Amino acid sequence: RLSCAASRNIFSIYTMNWYRQAPGKQREFVATITSGGSTNYA
């Protein structure tokens, strides 16, 4: 389980995402969650 801590409360307006980058490859989208709670995944 990975965690990402924000220094301030931003989740009311920001869309939060996870990306990843393997050696020698471009950064790719992994997952997203909107301020309203909608999610999507690669």
PDB file of all heavy atoms in Angstrom:
ATOM      1  N   ARG A   1       0.832  -1.191   0.000  1.00  0.00           N
ATOM      2  CA  ARG A   1       0.000   0.000   0.000  1.00  0.00           C
ATOM      3  C   ARG A   1       0.870   1.245   0.000  1.00  0.00           C
ATOM      4  O   ARG A   1       1.686   1.441   0.904  1.00  0.00           O
ATOM      5  CB  ARG A   1      -0.950   0.045   1.205  1.00  0.00           C
ATOM      6  CG  ARG A   1      -1.965   1.191   1.105  1.00  0.00           C
ATOM      7  CD  ARG A   1      -2.965   1.212   2.243  1.00  0.00           C
ATOM      8  NE  ARG A   1      -2.383   1.732   3.472  1.00  0.00           N
ATOM      9  CZ  ARG A   1      -3.107   2.155   4.509  1.00  0.00           C
ATOM     10  NH1 ARG A   1      -4.435   2.100   4.463  1.00  0.00           N
ATOM     11  NH2 ARG A   1      -2.496   2.599   5.600  1.00  0.00           N
ATOM     12  N   LEU A   2       0.692   2.075  -1.004  1.00  0.00           N
ATOM     13  CA  LEU A   2       1.400   3.334  -1.110  1.00  0.00           C
ATOM     14  C   LEU A   2       0.556   4.455  -0.523  1.00  0.00           C
ATOM     15  O   LEU A   2      -0.666   4.447  -0.630  1.00  0.00           O
ATOM     16  CB  LEU A   2       1.730   3.662  -2.565  1.00  0.00           C
ATOM     17  CG  LEU A   2       2.495   2.602  -3.359  1.00  0.00           C
ATOM     18  CD1 LEU A   2       2.785   3.118  -4.759  1.00  0.00           C
ATOM     19  CD2 LEU A   2       3.774   2.206  -2.647  1.00  0.00           C
ATOM     20  N   SER A   3       1.222   5.433   0.075  1.00  0.00           N
ATOM     21  CA  SER A   3       0.544   6.585   0.645  1.00  0.00           C
ATOM     22  C   SER A   3       1.112   7.869   0.062  1.00  0.00           C
ATOM     23  O   SER A   3       2.294   7.940  -0.274  1.00  0.00           O
ATOM     24  CB  SER A   3       0.700   6.613   2.168  1.00  0.00           C
ATOM     25  OG  SER A   3       0.132   5.476   2.771  1.00  0.00           O
ATOM     26  N   CYS A   4       0.269   8.875  -0.047  1.00  0.00           N
ATOM     27  CA  CYS A   4       0.673  10.193  -0.511  1.00  0.00           C
ATOM     28  C   CYS A   4       0.019  11.212   0.408  1.00  0.00           C
ATOM     29  O   CYS A   4      -1.199  11.406   0.357  1.00  0.00           O
ATOM     30  CB  CYS A   4       0.248  10.407  -1.965  1.00  0.00           C
ATOM     31  SG  CYS A   4       0.514  12.080  -2.589  1.00  0.00           S
ATOM     32  N   ALA A   5       0.818  11.852   1.240  1.00  0.00           N
ATOM     33  CA  ALA A   5       0.312  12.813   2.208  1.00  0.00           C
ATOM     34  C   ALA A   5       0.439  14.232   1.671  1.00  0.00           C
ATOM     35  O   ALA A   5       1.519  14.639   1.233  1.00  0.00           O
ATOM     36  CB  ALA A   5       1.066  12.680   3.529  1.00  0.00           C
ATOM     37  N   ALA A   6      -0.654  14.981   1.714  1.00  0.00           N
ATOM     38  CA  ALA A   6      -0.663  16.378   1.294  1.00  0.00           C
ATOM     39  C   ALA A   6      -0.502  17.287   2.499  1.00  0.00           C
ATOM     40  O   ALA A   6      -1.054  17.013   3.566  1.00  0.00           O
ATOM     41  CB  ALA A   6      -1.954  16.710   0.559  1.00  0.00           C
ATOM     42  N   SER A   7       0.242  18.367   2.327  1.00  0.00           N
ATOM     43  CA  SER A   7       0.492  19.273   3.437  1.00  0.00           C
ATOM     44  C   SER A   7      -0.738  20.087   3.812  1.00  0.00           C
ATOM     45  O   SER A   7      -0.808  20.626   4.910  1.00  0.00           O
ATOM     46  CB  SER A   7       1.651  20.214   3.103  1.00  0.00           C
ATOM     47  OG  SER A   7       1.378  20.963   1.935  1.00  0.00           O
ATOM     48  N   ARG A   8      -1.696  20.188   2.912  1.00  0.00           N
ATOM     49  CA  ARG A   8      -2.952  20.868   3.166  1.00  0.00           C
ATOM     50  C   ARG A   8      -4.102  20.071   2.574  1.00  0.00           C
ATOM     51  O   ARG A   8      -3.899  19.217   1.713  1.00  0.00           O
ATOM     52  CB  ARG A   8      -2.940  22.282   2.587  1.00  0.00           C
ATOM     53  CG  ARG A   8      -1.991  23.237   3.289  1.00  0.00           C
ATOM     54  CD  ARG A   8      -2.024  24.607   2.651  1.00  0.00           C
ATOM     55  NE  ARG A   8      -1.221  25.566   3.380  1.00  0.00           N
ATOM     56  CZ  ARG A   8       0.084  25.717   3.235  1.00  0.00           C
ATOM     57  NH1 ARG A   8       0.743  24.953   2.364  1.00  0.00           N
ATOM     58  NH2 ARG A   8       0.742  26.610   3.940  1.00  0.00           N
ATOM     59  N   ASN A   9      -5.306  20.385   3.032  1.00  0.00           N
ATOM     60  CA  ASN A   9      -6.488  19.711   2.524  1.00  0.00           C
ATOM     61  C   ASN A   9      -6.824  20.239   1.136  1.00  0.00           C
ATOM     62  O   ASN A   9      -7.277  21.373   0.983  1.00  0.00           O
ATOM     63  CB  ASN A   9      -7.662  19.903   3.475  1.00  0.00           C
ATOM     64  CG  ASN A   9      -8.895  19.148   3.036  1.00  0.00           C
ATOM     65  OD1 ASN A   9      -8.836  18.314   2.129  1.00  0.00           O
ATOM     66  ND2 ASN A   9     -10.016  19.432   3.671  1.00  0.00           N
ATOM     67  N   ILE A  10      -6.605  19.413   0.117  1.00  0.00           N
ATOM     68  CA  ILE A  10      -6.857  19.812  -1.261  1.00  0.00           C
ATOM     69  C   ILE A  10      -7.872  18.910  -1.952  1.00  0.00           C
ATOM     70  O   ILE A  10      -8.246  19.161  -3.092  1.00  0.00           O
ATOM     71  CB  ILE A  10      -5.559  19.832  -2.090  1.00  0.00           C
ATOM     72  CG1 ILE A  10      -4.943  18.434  -2.155  1.00  0.00           C
ATOM     73  CG2 ILE A  10      -4.579  20.827  -1.508  1.00  0.00           C
ATOM     74  CD1 ILE A  10      -3.758  18.330  -3.097  1.00  0.00           C
ATOM     75  N   PHE A  11      -8.314  17.879  -1.273  1.00  0.00           N
ATOM     76  CA  PHE A  11      -9.149  16.869  -1.916  1.00  0.00           C
ATOM     77  C   PHE A  11     -10.544  17.367  -2.273  1.00  0.00           C
ATOM     78  O   PHE A  11     -11.249  16.717  -3.042  1.00  0.00           O
ATOM     79  CB  PHE A  11      -9.249  15.624  -1.034  1.00  0.00           C
ATOM     80  CG  PHE A  11      -7.932  14.943  -0.790  1.00  0.00           C
ATOM     81  CD1 PHE A  11      -7.712  14.231   0.379  1.00  0.00           C
ATOM     82  CD2 PHE A  11      -6.912  15.013  -1.725  1.00  0.00           C
ATOM     83  CE1 PHE A  11      -6.502  13.607   0.611  1.00  0.00           C
ATOM     84  CE2 PHE A  11      -5.696  14.395  -1.501  1.00  0.00           C
ATOM     85  CZ  PHE A  11      -5.489  13.690  -0.328  1.00  0.00           C
ATOM     86  N   SER A  12     -10.955  18.510  -1.750  1.00  0.00           N
ATOM     87  CA  SER A  12     -12.266  19.039  -2.071  1.00  0.00           C
ATOM     88  C   SER A  12     -12.351  19.559  -3.500  1.00  0.00           C
ATOM     89  O   SER A  12     -13.441  19.662  -4.061  1.00  0.00           O
ATOM     90  CB  SER A  12     -12.654  20.147  -1.093  1.00  0.00           C
ATOM     91  OG  SER A  12     -11.742  21.231  -1.169  1.00  0.00           O
ATOM     92  N   ILE A  13     -11.204  19.878  -4.107  1.00  0.00           N
ATOM     93  CA  ILE A  13     -11.211  20.428  -5.452  1.00  0.00           C
ATOM     94  C   ILE A  13     -10.273  19.704  -6.417  1.00  0.00           C
ATOM     95  O   ILE A  13     -10.498  19.720  -7.627  1.00  0.00           O
ATOM     96  CB  ILE A  13     -10.864  21.933  -5.457  1.00  0.00           C
ATOM     97  CG1 ILE A  13      -9.508  22.176  -4.800  1.00  0.00           C
ATOM     98  CG2 ILE A  13     -11.953  22.733  -4.756  1.00  0.00           C
ATOM     99  CD1 ILE A  13      -9.020  23.601  -4.919  1.00  0.00           C
ATOM    100  N   TYR A  14      -9.232  19.063  -5.916  1.00  0.00           N
ATOM    101  CA  TYR A  14      -8.233  18.444  -6.783  1.00  0.00           C
ATOM    102  C   TYR A  14      -8.600  17.022  -7.173  1.00  0.00           C
ATOM    103  O   TYR A  14      -9.163  16.262  -6.385  1.00  0.00           O
ATOM    104  CB  TYR A  14      -6.864  18.420  -6.100  1.00  0.00           C
ATOM    105  CG  TYR A  14      -6.111  19.724  -6.153  1.00  0.00           C
ATOM    106  CD1 TYR A  14      -6.517  20.820  -5.413  1.00  0.00           C
ATOM    107  CD2 TYR A  14      -4.969  19.843  -6.941  1.00  0.00           C
ATOM    108  CE1 TYR A  14      -5.819  22.014  -5.462  1.00  0.00           C
ATOM    109  CE2 TYR A  14      -4.262  21.031  -6.986  1.00  0.00           C
ATOM    110  CZ  TYR A  14      -4.690  22.114  -6.247  1.00  0.00           C
ATOM    111  OH  TYR A  14      -3.977  23.290  -6.285  1.00  0.00           O
ATOM    112  N   THR A  15      -8.260  16.684  -8.407  1.00  0.00           N
ATOM    113  CA  THR A  15      -8.279  15.304  -8.853  1.00  0.00           C
ATOM    114  C   THR A  15      -6.920  14.691  -8.522  1.00  0.00           C
ATOM    115  O   THR A  15      -5.884  15.257  -8.860  1.00  0.00           O
ATOM    116  CB  THR A  15      -8.551  15.212 -10.357  1.00  0.00           C
ATOM    117  OG1 THR A  15      -9.873  15.685 -10.628  1.00  0.00           O
ATOM    118  CG2 THR A  15      -8.435  13.775 -10.837  1.00  0.00           C
ATOM    119  N   MET A  16      -6.929  13.536  -7.872  1.00  0.00           N
ATOM    120  CA  MET A  16      -5.703  12.882  -7.449  1.00  0.00           C
ATOM    121  C   MET A  16      -5.424  11.679  -8.342  1.00  0.00           C
ATOM    122  O   MET A  16      -6.339  10.939  -8.717  1.00  0.00           O
ATOM    123  CB  MET A  16      -5.801  12.433  -5.996  1.00  0.00           C
ATOM    124  CG  MET A  16      -6.142  13.552  -5.023  1.00  0.00           C
ATOM    125  SD  MET A  16      -4.922  14.895  -5.007  1.00  0.00           S
ATOM    126  CE  MET A  16      -3.453  14.021  -4.452  1.00  0.00           C
ATOM    127  N   ASN A  17      -4.147  11.490  -8.654  1.00  0.00           N
ATOM    128  CA  ASN A  17      -3.758  10.442  -9.591  1.00  0.00           C
ATOM    129  C   ASN A  17      -2.495   9.728  -9.124  1.00  0.00           C
ATOM    130  O   ASN A  17      -1.681  10.276  -8.381  1.00  0.00           O
ATOM    131  CB  ASN A  17      -3.478  11.025 -10.982  1.00  0.00           C
ATOM    132  CG  ASN A  17      -4.569  11.948 -11.452  1.00  0.00           C
ATOM    133  OD1 ASN A  17      -5.600  11.494 -11.959  1.00  0.00           O
ATOM    134  ND2 ASN A  17      -4.362  13.256 -11.298  1.00  0.00           N
ATOM    135  N   TRP A  18      -2.342   8.494  -9.599  1.00  0.00           N
ATOM    136  CA  TRP A  18      -1.090   7.763  -9.487  1.00  0.00           C
ATOM    137  C   TRP A  18      -0.557   7.482 -10.887  1.00  0.00           C
ATOM    138  O   TRP A  18      -1.314   7.064 -11.774  1.00  0.00           O
ATOM    139  CB  TRP A  18      -1.271   6.430  -8.747  1.00  0.00           C
ATOM    140  CG  TRP A  18      -1.490   6.567  -7.276  1.00  0.00           C
ATOM    141  CD1 TRP A  18      -2.673   6.523  -6.619  1.00  0.00           C
ATOM    142  CD2 TRP A  18      -0.479   6.754  -6.268  1.00  0.00           C
ATOM    143  NE1 TRP A  18      -2.475   6.667  -5.265  1.00  0.00           N
ATOM    144  CE2 TRP A  18      -1.144   6.811  -5.021  1.00  0.00           C
ATOM    145  CE3 TRP A  18       0.912   6.872  -6.301  1.00  0.00           C
ATOM    146  CZ2 TRP A  18      -0.460   6.986  -3.816  1.00  0.00           C
ATOM    147  CZ3 TRP A  18       1.591   7.054  -5.102  1.00  0.00           C
ATOM    148  CH2 TRP A  18       0.913   7.107  -3.886  1.00  0.00           C
ATOM    149  N   TYR A  19       0.722   7.729 -11.073  1.00  0.00           N
ATOM    150  CA  TYR A  19       1.442   7.382 -12.289  1.00  0.00           C
ATOM    151  C   TYR A  19       2.622   6.499 -11.911  1.00  0.00           C
ATOM    152  O   TYR A  19       3.012   6.438 -10.741  1.00  0.00           O
ATOM    153  CB  TYR A  19       1.959   8.631 -13.006  1.00  0.00           C
ATOM    154  CG  TYR A  19       0.888   9.477 -13.657  1.00  0.00           C
ATOM    155  CD1 TYR A  19       0.136  10.377 -12.914  1.00  0.00           C
ATOM    156  CD2 TYR A  19       0.648   9.380 -15.029  1.00  0.00           C
ATOM    157  CE1 TYR A  19      -0.841  11.161 -13.516  1.00  0.00           C
ATOM    158  CE2 TYR A  19      -0.322  10.160 -15.637  1.00  0.00           C
ATOM    159  CZ  TYR A  19      -1.058  11.050 -14.873  1.00  0.00           C
ATOM    160  OH  TYR A  19      -2.018  11.827 -15.475  1.00  0.00           O
ATOM    161  N   ARG A  20       3.201   5.827 -12.894  1.00  0.00           N
ATOM    162  CA  ARG A  20       4.396   5.045 -12.639  1.00  0.00           C
ATOM    163  C   ARG A  20       5.319   5.095 -13.847  1.00  0.00           C
ATOM    164  O   ARG A  20       4.882   5.320 -14.968  1.00  0.00           O
ATOM    165  CB  ARG A  20       4.057   3.593 -12.291  1.00  0.00           C
ATOM    166  CG  ARG A  20       3.466   2.779 -13.437  1.00  0.00           C
ATOM    167  CD  ARG A  20       3.063   1.402 -12.949  1.00  0.00           C
ATOM    168  NE  ARG A  20       2.549   0.569 -14.021  1.00  0.00           N
ATOM    169  CZ  ARG A  20       2.031  -0.639 -13.849  1.00  0.00           C
ATOM    170  NH1 ARG A  20       1.959  -1.168 -12.628  1.00  0.00           N
ATOM    171  NH2 ARG A  20       1.585  -1.330 -14.891  1.00  0.00           N
ATOM    172  N   GLN A  21       6.601   4.887 -13.595  1.00  0.00           N
ATOM    173  CA  GLN A  21       7.587   4.892 -14.653  1.00  0.00           C
ATOM    174  C   GLN A  21       8.608   3.785 -14.406  1.00  0.00           C
ATOM    175  O   GLN A  21       9.322   3.803 -13.401  1.00  0.00           O
ATOM    176  CB  GLN A  21       8.294   6.248 -14.748  1.00  0.00           C
ATOM    177  CG  GLN A  21       9.227   6.369 -15.932  1.00  0.00           C
ATOM    178  CD  GLN A  21       9.695   7.794 -16.155  1.00  0.00           C
ATOM    179  OE1 GLN A  21       9.679   8.616 -15.232  1.00  0.00           O
ATOM    180  NE2 GLN A  21      10.109   8.097 -17.369  1.00  0.00           N
ATOM    181  N   ALA A  22       8.658   2.832 -15.317  1.00  0.00           N
ATOM    182  CA  ALA A  22       9.628   1.751 -15.261  1.00  0.00           C
ATOM    183  C   ALA A  22      10.909   2.198 -15.957  1.00  0.00           C
ATOM    184  O   ALA A  22      10.879   3.078 -16.819  1.00  0.00           O
ATOM    185  CB  ALA A  22       9.070   0.494 -15.919  1.00  0.00           C
ATOM    186  N   PRO A  23      12.050   1.598 -15.608  1.00  0.00           N
ATOM    187  CA  PRO A  23      13.310   1.968 -16.259  1.00  0.00           C
ATOM    188  C   PRO A  23      13.239   1.829 -17.774  1.00  0.00           C
ATOM    189  O   PRO A  23      12.799   0.802 -18.292  1.00  0.00           O
ATOM    190  CB  PRO A  23      14.311   0.977 -15.666  1.00  0.00           C
ATOM    191  CG  PRO A  23      13.733   0.611 -14.342  1.00  0.00           C
ATOM    192  CD  PRO A  23      12.248   0.583 -14.561  1.00  0.00           C
ATOM    193  N   GLY A  24      13.646   2.873 -18.479  1.00  0.00           N
ATOM    194  CA  GLY A  24      13.650   2.850 -19.928  1.00  0.00           C
ATOM    195  C   GLY A  24      12.307   3.046 -20.584  1.00  0.00           C
ATOM    196  O   GLY A  24      12.206   2.958 -21.806  1.00  0.00           O
ATOM    197  N   LYS A  25      11.271   3.312 -19.806  1.00  0.00           N
ATOM    198  CA  LYS A  25       9.938   3.494 -20.350  1.00  0.00           C
ATOM    199  C   LYS A  25       9.380   4.864 -19.978  1.00  0.00           C
ATOM    200  O   LYS A  25       9.864   5.522 -19.058  1.00  0.00           O
ATOM    201  CB  LYS A  25       8.992   2.405 -19.860  1.00  0.00           C
ATOM    202  CG  LYS A  25       9.338   1.007 -20.347  1.00  0.00           C
ATOM    203  CD  LYS A  25       8.268   0.014 -19.952  1.00  0.00           C
ATOM    204  CE  LYS A  25       8.553  -1.366 -20.505  1.00  0.00           C
ATOM    205  NZ  LYS A  25       7.484  -2.336 -20.141  1.00  0.00           N
ATOM    206  N   GLN A  26       8.347   5.279 -20.704  1.00  0.00           N
ATOM    207  CA  GLN A  26       7.684   6.540 -20.416  1.00  0.00           C
ATOM    208  C   GLN A  26       6.781   6.410 -19.197  1.00  0.00           C
ATOM    209  O   GLN A  26       6.322   5.318 -18.862  1.00  0.00           O
ATOM    210  CB  GLN A  26       6.858   6.999 -21.625  1.00  0.00           C
ATOM    211  CG  GLN A  26       7.680   7.336 -22.859  1.00  0.00           C
ATOM    212  CD  GLN A  26       6.826   7.857 -23.995  1.00  0.00           C
ATOM    213  OE1 GLN A  26       5.593   7.854 -23.918  1.00  0.00           O
ATOM    214  NE2 GLN A  26       7.472   8.314 -25.045  1.00  0.00           N
ATOM    215  N   ARG A  27       6.538   7.524 -18.545  1.00  0.00           N
ATOM    216  CA  ARG A  27       5.623   7.533 -17.423  1.00  0.00           C
ATOM    217  C   ARG A  27       4.214   7.205 -17.906  1.00  0.00           C
ATOM    218  O   ARG A  27       3.759   7.712 -18.939  1.00  0.00           O
ATOM    219  CB  ARG A  27       5.657   8.903 -16.741  1.00  0.00           C
ATOM    220  CG  ARG A  27       4.844   8.976 -15.469  1.00  0.00           C
ATOM    221  CD  ARG A  27       5.040  10.326 -14.782  1.00  0.00           C
ATOM    222  NE  ARG A  27       6.429  10.557 -14.418  1.00  0.00           N
ATOM    223  CZ  ARG A  27       6.858  11.639 -13.770  1.00  0.00           C
ATOM    224  NH1 ARG A  27       6.001  12.583 -13.420  1.00  0.00           N
ATOM    225  NH2 ARG A  27       8.139  11.767 -13.491  1.00  0.00           N
ATOM    226  N   GLU A  28       3.511   6.351 -17.172  1.00  0.00           N
ATOM    227  CA  GLU A  28       2.187   5.934 -17.574  1.00  0.00           C
ATOM    228  C   GLU A  28       1.169   6.139 -16.457  1.00  0.00           C
ATOM    229  O   GLU A  28       1.493   6.073 -15.270  1.00  0.00           O
ATOM    230  CB  GLU A  28       2.176   4.467 -18.016  1.00  0.00           C
ATOM    231  CG  GLU A  28       2.485   3.477 -16.912  1.00  0.00           C
ATOM    232  CD  GLU A  28       2.314   2.032 -17.348  1.00  0.00           C
ATOM    233  OE1 GLU A  28       1.626   1.782 -18.355  1.00  0.00           O
ATOM    234  OE2 GLU A  28       2.880   1.140 -16.668  1.00  0.00           O
ATOM    235  N   PHE A  29      -0.052   6.362 -16.856  1.00  0.00           N
ATOM    236  CA  PHE A  29      -1.163   6.535 -15.931  1.00  0.00           C
ATOM    237  C   PHE A  29      -1.501   5.220 -15.263  1.00  0.00           C
ATOM    238  O   PHE A  29      -1.500   4.166 -15.889  1.00  0.00           O
ATOM    239  CB  PHE A  29      -2.378   7.071 -16.695  1.00  0.00           C
ATOM    240  CG  PHE A  29      -3.664   6.998 -15.930  1.00  0.00           C
ATOM    241  CD1 PHE A  29      -3.982   7.945 -14.978  1.00  0.00           C
ATOM    242  CD2 PHE A  29      -4.564   5.975 -16.175  1.00  0.00           C
ATOM    243  CE1 PHE A  29      -5.173   7.884 -14.276  1.00  0.00           C
ATOM    244  CE2 PHE A  29      -5.757   5.897 -15.488  1.00  0.00           C
ATOM    245  CZ  PHE A  29      -6.059   6.859 -14.530  1.00  0.00           C
ATOM    246  N   VAL A  30      -1.821   5.279 -13.972  1.00  0.00           N
ATOM    247  CA  VAL A  30      -2.188   4.092 -13.211  1.00  0.00           C
ATOM    248  C   VAL A  30      -3.633   4.169 -12.719  1.00  0.00           C
ATOM    249  O   VAL A  30      -4.431   3.272 -12.968  1.00  0.00           O
ATOM    250  CB  VAL A  30      -1.256   3.871 -12.011  1.00  0.00           C
ATOM    251  CG1 VAL A  30      -1.733   2.692 -11.161  1.00  0.00           C
ATOM    252  CG2 VAL A  30       0.172   3.633 -12.493  1.00  0.00           C
ATOM    253  N   ALA A  31      -3.970   5.249 -12.003  1.00  0.00           N
ATOM    254  CA  ALA A  31      -5.303   5.359 -11.411  1.00  0.00           C
ATOM    255  C   ALA A  31      -5.620   6.811 -11.100  1.00  0.00           C
ATOM    256  O   ALA A  31      -4.726   7.636 -10.936  1.00  0.00           O
ATOM    257  CB  ALA A  31      -5.402   4.518 -10.135  1.00  0.00           C
ATOM    258  N   THR A  32      -6.906   7.119 -10.999  1.00  0.00           N
ATOM    259  CA  THR A  32      -7.346   8.472 -10.678  1.00  0.00           C
ATOM    260  C   THR A  32      -8.576   8.437  -9.785  1.00  0.00           C
ATOM    261  O   THR A  32      -9.355   7.473  -9.817  1.00  0.00           O
ATOM    262  CB  THR A  32      -7.666   9.276 -11.964  1.00  0.00           C
ATOM    263  OG1 THR A  32      -7.924  10.649 -11.631  1.00  0.00           O
ATOM    264  CG2 THR A  32      -8.890   8.701 -12.675  1.00  0.00           C
ATOM    265  N   ILE A  33      -8.737   9.469  -8.979  1.00  0.00           N
ATOM    266  CA  ILE A  33      -9.938   9.654  -8.169  1.00  0.00           C
ATOM    267  C   ILE A  33     -10.248  11.145  -8.133  1.00  0.00           C
ATOM    268  O   ILE A  33      -9.388  11.966  -7.837  1.00  0.00           O
ATOM    269  CB  ILE A  33      -9.778   9.060  -6.752  1.00  0.00           C
ATOM    270  CG1 ILE A  33     -11.080   9.211  -5.958  1.00  0.00           C
ATOM    271  CG2 ILE A  33      -8.605   9.685  -6.014  1.00  0.00           C
ATOM    272  CD1 ILE A  33     -11.091   8.403  -4.665  1.00  0.00           C
ATOM    273  N   THR A  34     -11.494  11.507  -8.448  1.00  0.00           N
ATOM    274  CA  THR A  34     -11.903  12.904  -8.453  1.00  0.00           C
ATOM    275  C   THR A  34     -12.320  13.340  -7.061  1.00  0.00           C
ATOM    276  O   THR A  34     -12.456  12.531  -6.146  1.00  0.00           O
ATOM    277  CB  THR A  34     -13.064  13.131  -9.428  1.00  0.00           C
ATOM    278  OG1 THR A  34     -14.246  12.493  -8.906  1.00  0.00           O
ATOM    279  CG2 THR A  34     -12.755  12.564 -10.801  1.00  0.00           C
ATOM    280  N   SER A  35     -12.545  14.643  -6.906  1.00  0.00           N
ATOM    281  CA  SER A  35     -13.001  15.161  -5.628  1.00  0.00           C
ATOM    282  C   SER A  35     -14.363  14.592  -5.240  1.00  0.00           C
ATOM    283  O   SER A  35     -14.695  14.529  -4.056  1.00  0.00           O
ATOM    284  CB  SER A  35     -13.065  16.689  -5.658  1.00  0.00           C
ATOM    285  OG  SER A  35     -13.968  17.141  -6.654  1.00  0.00           O
ATOM    286  N   GLY A  36     -15.133  14.179  -6.242  1.00  0.00           N
ATOM    287  CA  GLY A  36     -16.430  13.571  -5.995  1.00  0.00           C
ATOM    288  C   GLY A  36     -16.381  12.085  -5.729  1.00  0.00           C
ATOM    289  O   GLY A  36     -17.406  11.473  -5.422  1.00  0.00           O
ATOM    290  N   GLY A  37     -15.193  11.476  -5.869  1.00  0.00           N
ATOM    291  CA  GLY A  37     -15.032  10.067  -5.560  1.00  0.00           C
ATOM    292  C   GLY A  37     -15.059   9.123  -6.743  1.00  0.00           C
ATOM    293  O   GLY A  37     -14.944   7.907  -6.562  1.00  0.00           O
ATOM    294  N   SER A  38     -15.203   9.640  -7.953  1.00  0.00           N
ATOM    295  CA  SER A  38     -15.175   8.786  -9.138  1.00  0.00           C
ATOM    296  C   SER A  38     -13.763   8.271  -9.383  1.00  0.00           C
ATOM    297  O   SER A  38     -12.794   9.019  -9.257  1.00  0.00           O
ATOM    298  CB  SER A  38     -15.669   9.544 -10.362  1.00  0.00           C
ATOM    299  OG  SER A  38     -17.010   9.963 -10.196  1.00  0.00           O
ATOM    300  N   THR A  39     -13.641   6.994  -9.750  1.00  0.00           N
ATOM    301  CA  THR A  39     -12.331   6.381  -9.974  1.00  0.00           C
ATOM    302  C   THR A  39     -12.223   5.794 -11.364  1.00  0.00           C
ATOM    303  O   THR A  39     -13.224   5.457 -12.002  1.00  0.00           O
ATOM    304  CB  THR A  39     -12.059   5.274  -8.944  1.00  0.00           C
ATOM    305  OG1 THR A  39     -13.066   4.255  -9.055  1.00  0.00           O
ATOM    306  CG2 THR A  39     -12.071   5.834  -7.533  1.00  0.00           C
ATOM    307  N   ASN A  40     -10.981   5.652 -11.822  1.00  0.00           N
ATOM    308  CA  ASN A  40     -10.701   5.013 -13.089  1.00  0.00           C
ATOM    309  C   ASN A  40      -9.298   4.430 -13.019  1.00  0.00           C
ATOM    310  O   ASN A  40      -8.438   4.943 -12.293  1.00  0.00           O
ATOM    311  CB  ASN A  40     -10.824   5.996 -14.252  1.00  0.00           C
ATOM    312  CG  ASN A  40     -10.892   5.302 -15.590  1.00  0.00           C
ATOM    313  OD1 ASN A  40     -11.325   4.157 -15.699  1.00  0.00           O
ATOM    314  ND2 ASN A  40     -10.474   5.998 -16.640  1.00  0.00           N
ATOM    315  N   TYR A  41      -9.054   3.351 -13.779  1.00  0.00           N
ATOM    316  CA  TYR A  41      -7.800   2.634 -13.708  1.00  0.00           C
ATOM    317  C   TYR A  41      -7.283   2.291 -15.094  1.00  0.00           C
ATOM    318  O   TYR A  41      -8.061   2.106 -16.038  1.00  0.00           O
ATOM    319  CB  TYR A  41      -7.958   1.328 -12.925  1.00  0.00           C
ATOM    320  CG  TYR A  41      -8.419   1.513 -11.502  1.00  0.00           C
ATOM    321  CD1 TYR A  41      -9.772   1.565 -11.191  1.00  0.00           C
ATOM    322  CD2 TYR A  41      -7.498   1.634 -10.470  1.00  0.00           C
ATOM    323  CE1 TYR A  41     -10.200   1.735  -9.891  1.00  0.00           C
ATOM    324  CE2 TYR A  41      -7.916   1.804  -9.163  1.00  0.00           C
ATOM    325  CZ  TYR A  41      -9.268   1.855  -8.880  1.00  0.00           C
ATOM    326  OH  TYR A  41      -9.683   2.021  -7.579  1.00  0.00           O
ATOM    327  N   ALA A  42      -5.965   2.188 -15.193  1.00  0.00           N
ATOM    328  CA  ALA A  42      -5.365   1.639 -16.394  1.00  0.00           C
ATOM    329  C   ALA A  42      -5.751   0.168 -16.506  1.00  0.00           C
ATOM    330  O   ALA A  42      -5.903  -0.524 -15.500  1.00  0.00           O
ATOM    331  CB  ALA A  42      -3.848   1.785 -16.349  1.00  0.00           C
TER     332      ALA A  42
END
